[in-house]
Amino acid sequence: MEKAGVPISVVSRWAGHYDSTFTLRQYVHADHTEDMRQGTAALGQLYKMN
């Protein structure tokens, strides 16, 4: 759900977790290829804006 763009607060609540940081620690992990590529692209866009 998180990778589909659903906010972590919604994912956490849907899973029945009280704290969204638990959800992040347990279930949200970077895919070392595609996620890193997307993160690099997003960071590049931030630098272009400034």
N, C-alpha and C. Protein backbone atom coordinates (compact mmCIF):
# COMPACT_ATOMS: atom_id res chain seq x y z
N MET A 1 0.82 -1.19 0.00
CA MET A 1 0.00 0.00 0.00
C MET A 1 0.87 1.26 0.00
N GLU A 2 1.91 1.25 0.79
CA GLU A 2 2.78 2.42 0.88
C GLU A 2 3.44 2.69 -0.47
N LYS A 3 3.88 1.66 -1.14
CA LYS A 3 4.51 1.83 -2.45
C LYS A 3 3.51 2.29 -3.50
N ALA A 4 2.22 2.10 -3.25
CA ALA A 4 1.18 2.57 -4.16
C ALA A 4 0.79 4.01 -3.88
N GLY A 5 1.43 4.63 -2.87
CA GLY A 5 1.17 6.03 -2.58
C GLY A 5 0.20 6.29 -1.44
N VAL A 6 -0.23 5.23 -0.78
CA VAL A 6 -1.14 5.40 0.36
C VAL A 6 -0.32 5.96 1.54
N PRO A 7 -0.78 7.02 2.18
CA PRO A 7 -0.03 7.59 3.31
C PRO A 7 0.19 6.56 4.41
N ILE A 8 1.37 6.62 5.03
CA ILE A 8 1.73 5.62 6.04
C ILE A 8 0.74 5.64 7.21
N SER A 9 0.15 6.78 7.51
CA SER A 9 -0.83 6.83 8.59
C SER A 9 -2.05 5.96 8.27
N VAL A 10 -2.44 5.93 7.00
CA VAL A 10 -3.58 5.11 6.58
C VAL A 10 -3.18 3.63 6.58
N VAL A 11 -2.00 3.32 6.08
CA VAL A 11 -1.52 1.94 6.09
C VAL A 11 -1.47 1.41 7.51
N SER A 12 -0.94 2.22 8.41
CA SER A 12 -0.82 1.82 9.81
C SER A 12 -2.17 1.56 10.45
N ARG A 13 -3.09 2.46 10.21
CA ARG A 13 -4.43 2.29 10.79
C ARG A 13 -5.13 1.06 10.20
N TRP A 14 -4.98 0.85 8.89
CA TRP A 14 -5.59 -0.30 8.22
C TRP A 14 -5.05 -1.60 8.81
N ALA A 15 -3.75 -1.60 9.15
CA ALA A 15 -3.13 -2.80 9.72
C ALA A 15 -3.42 -2.97 11.20
N GLY A 16 -4.07 -1.97 11.80
CA GLY A 16 -4.41 -2.06 13.22
C GLY A 16 -3.28 -1.66 14.14
N HIS A 17 -2.31 -0.92 13.61
CA HIS A 17 -1.19 -0.48 14.44
C HIS A 17 -1.50 0.86 15.08
N TYR A 18 -1.10 1.00 16.32
CA TYR A 18 -1.31 2.24 17.05
C TYR A 18 -0.35 3.33 16.59
N ASP A 19 0.87 2.91 16.25
CA ASP A 19 1.93 3.85 15.94
C ASP A 19 2.46 3.60 14.53
N SER A 20 2.43 4.62 13.68
CA SER A 20 2.88 4.44 12.31
C SER A 20 4.38 4.16 12.21
N THR A 21 5.16 4.57 13.22
CA THR A 21 6.59 4.25 13.17
C THR A 21 6.82 2.75 13.26
N PHE A 22 5.96 2.04 13.97
CA PHE A 22 6.05 0.58 14.01
C PHE A 22 5.83 0.01 12.60
N THR A 23 4.82 0.51 11.92
CA THR A 23 4.54 0.05 10.56
C THR A 23 5.73 0.30 9.66
N LEU A 24 6.31 1.47 9.75
CA LEU A 24 7.48 1.79 8.94
C LEU A 24 8.65 0.84 9.23
N ARG A 25 8.93 0.63 10.51
CA ARG A 25 10.05 -0.24 10.88
C ARG A 25 9.84 -1.68 10.44
N GLN A 26 8.62 -2.16 10.52
CA GLN A 26 8.35 -3.57 10.26
C GLN A 26 8.10 -3.90 8.80
N TYR A 27 7.46 -3.00 8.08
CA TYR A 27 6.94 -3.37 6.77
C TYR A 27 7.42 -2.54 5.58
N VAL A 28 7.95 -1.37 5.82
CA VAL A 28 8.33 -0.51 4.71
C VAL A 28 9.84 -0.55 4.55
N HIS A 29 10.28 -1.14 3.45
CA HIS A 29 11.71 -1.29 3.18
C HIS A 29 11.98 -0.86 1.74
N ALA A 30 13.13 -0.28 1.55
CA ALA A 30 13.51 0.18 0.21
C ALA A 30 13.89 -1.01 -0.67
N ASP A 31 13.40 -1.01 -1.88
CA ASP A 31 13.85 -1.93 -2.91
C ASP A 31 15.11 -1.29 -3.47
N HIS A 32 16.21 -1.98 -3.37
CA HIS A 32 17.50 -1.36 -3.64
C HIS A 32 17.72 -0.95 -5.09
N THR A 33 16.80 -1.23 -5.96
CA THR A 33 16.99 -0.78 -7.33
C THR A 33 15.99 0.31 -7.67
N GLU A 34 14.74 -0.03 -7.78
CA GLU A 34 13.73 0.93 -8.22
C GLU A 34 13.51 2.05 -7.21
N ASP A 35 13.43 1.73 -5.91
CA ASP A 35 13.22 2.77 -4.91
C ASP A 35 14.39 3.75 -4.86
N MET A 36 15.59 3.24 -4.97
CA MET A 36 16.76 4.12 -4.96
C MET A 36 16.78 5.00 -6.21
N ARG A 37 16.38 4.46 -7.33
CA ARG A 37 16.32 5.23 -8.57
C ARG A 37 15.29 6.36 -8.44
N GLN A 38 14.13 6.03 -7.89
CA GLN A 38 13.08 7.04 -7.71
C GLN A 38 13.51 8.11 -6.71
N GLY A 39 14.17 7.69 -5.64
CA GLY A 39 14.65 8.64 -4.64
C GLY A 39 15.68 9.60 -5.22
N THR A 40 16.57 9.07 -6.04
CA THR A 40 17.58 9.90 -6.69
C THR A 40 16.93 10.91 -7.63
N ALA A 41 15.94 10.47 -8.38
CA ALA A 41 15.22 11.37 -9.29
C ALA A 41 14.50 12.46 -8.50
N ALA A 42 13.87 12.10 -7.39
CA ALA A 42 13.15 13.09 -6.58
C ALA A 42 14.12 14.10 -5.99
N LEU A 43 15.26 13.64 -5.53
CA LEU A 43 16.26 14.55 -4.96
C LEU A 43 16.78 15.48 -6.05
N GLY A 44 17.00 14.96 -7.24
CA GLY A 44 17.43 15.79 -8.34
C GLY A 44 16.43 16.88 -8.66
N GLN A 45 15.13 16.56 -8.59
CA GLN A 45 14.10 17.56 -8.84
C GLN A 45 14.11 18.65 -7.78
N LEU A 46 14.37 18.28 -6.52
CA LEU A 46 14.44 19.28 -5.45
C LEU A 46 15.58 20.26 -5.70
N TYR A 47 16.72 19.75 -6.15
CA TYR A 47 17.85 20.63 -6.40
C TYR A 47 17.60 21.52 -7.61
N LYS A 48 16.86 21.05 -8.59
CA LYS A 48 16.55 21.87 -9.76
C LYS A 48 15.63 23.03 -9.40
N MET A 49 14.79 22.83 -8.36
CA MET A 49 13.82 23.85 -7.97
C MET A 49 14.52 25.02 -7.28
N ASN A 50 15.66 24.79 -6.68
CA ASN A 50 16.35 25.84 -5.92
C ASN A 50 17.33 26.59 -6.74
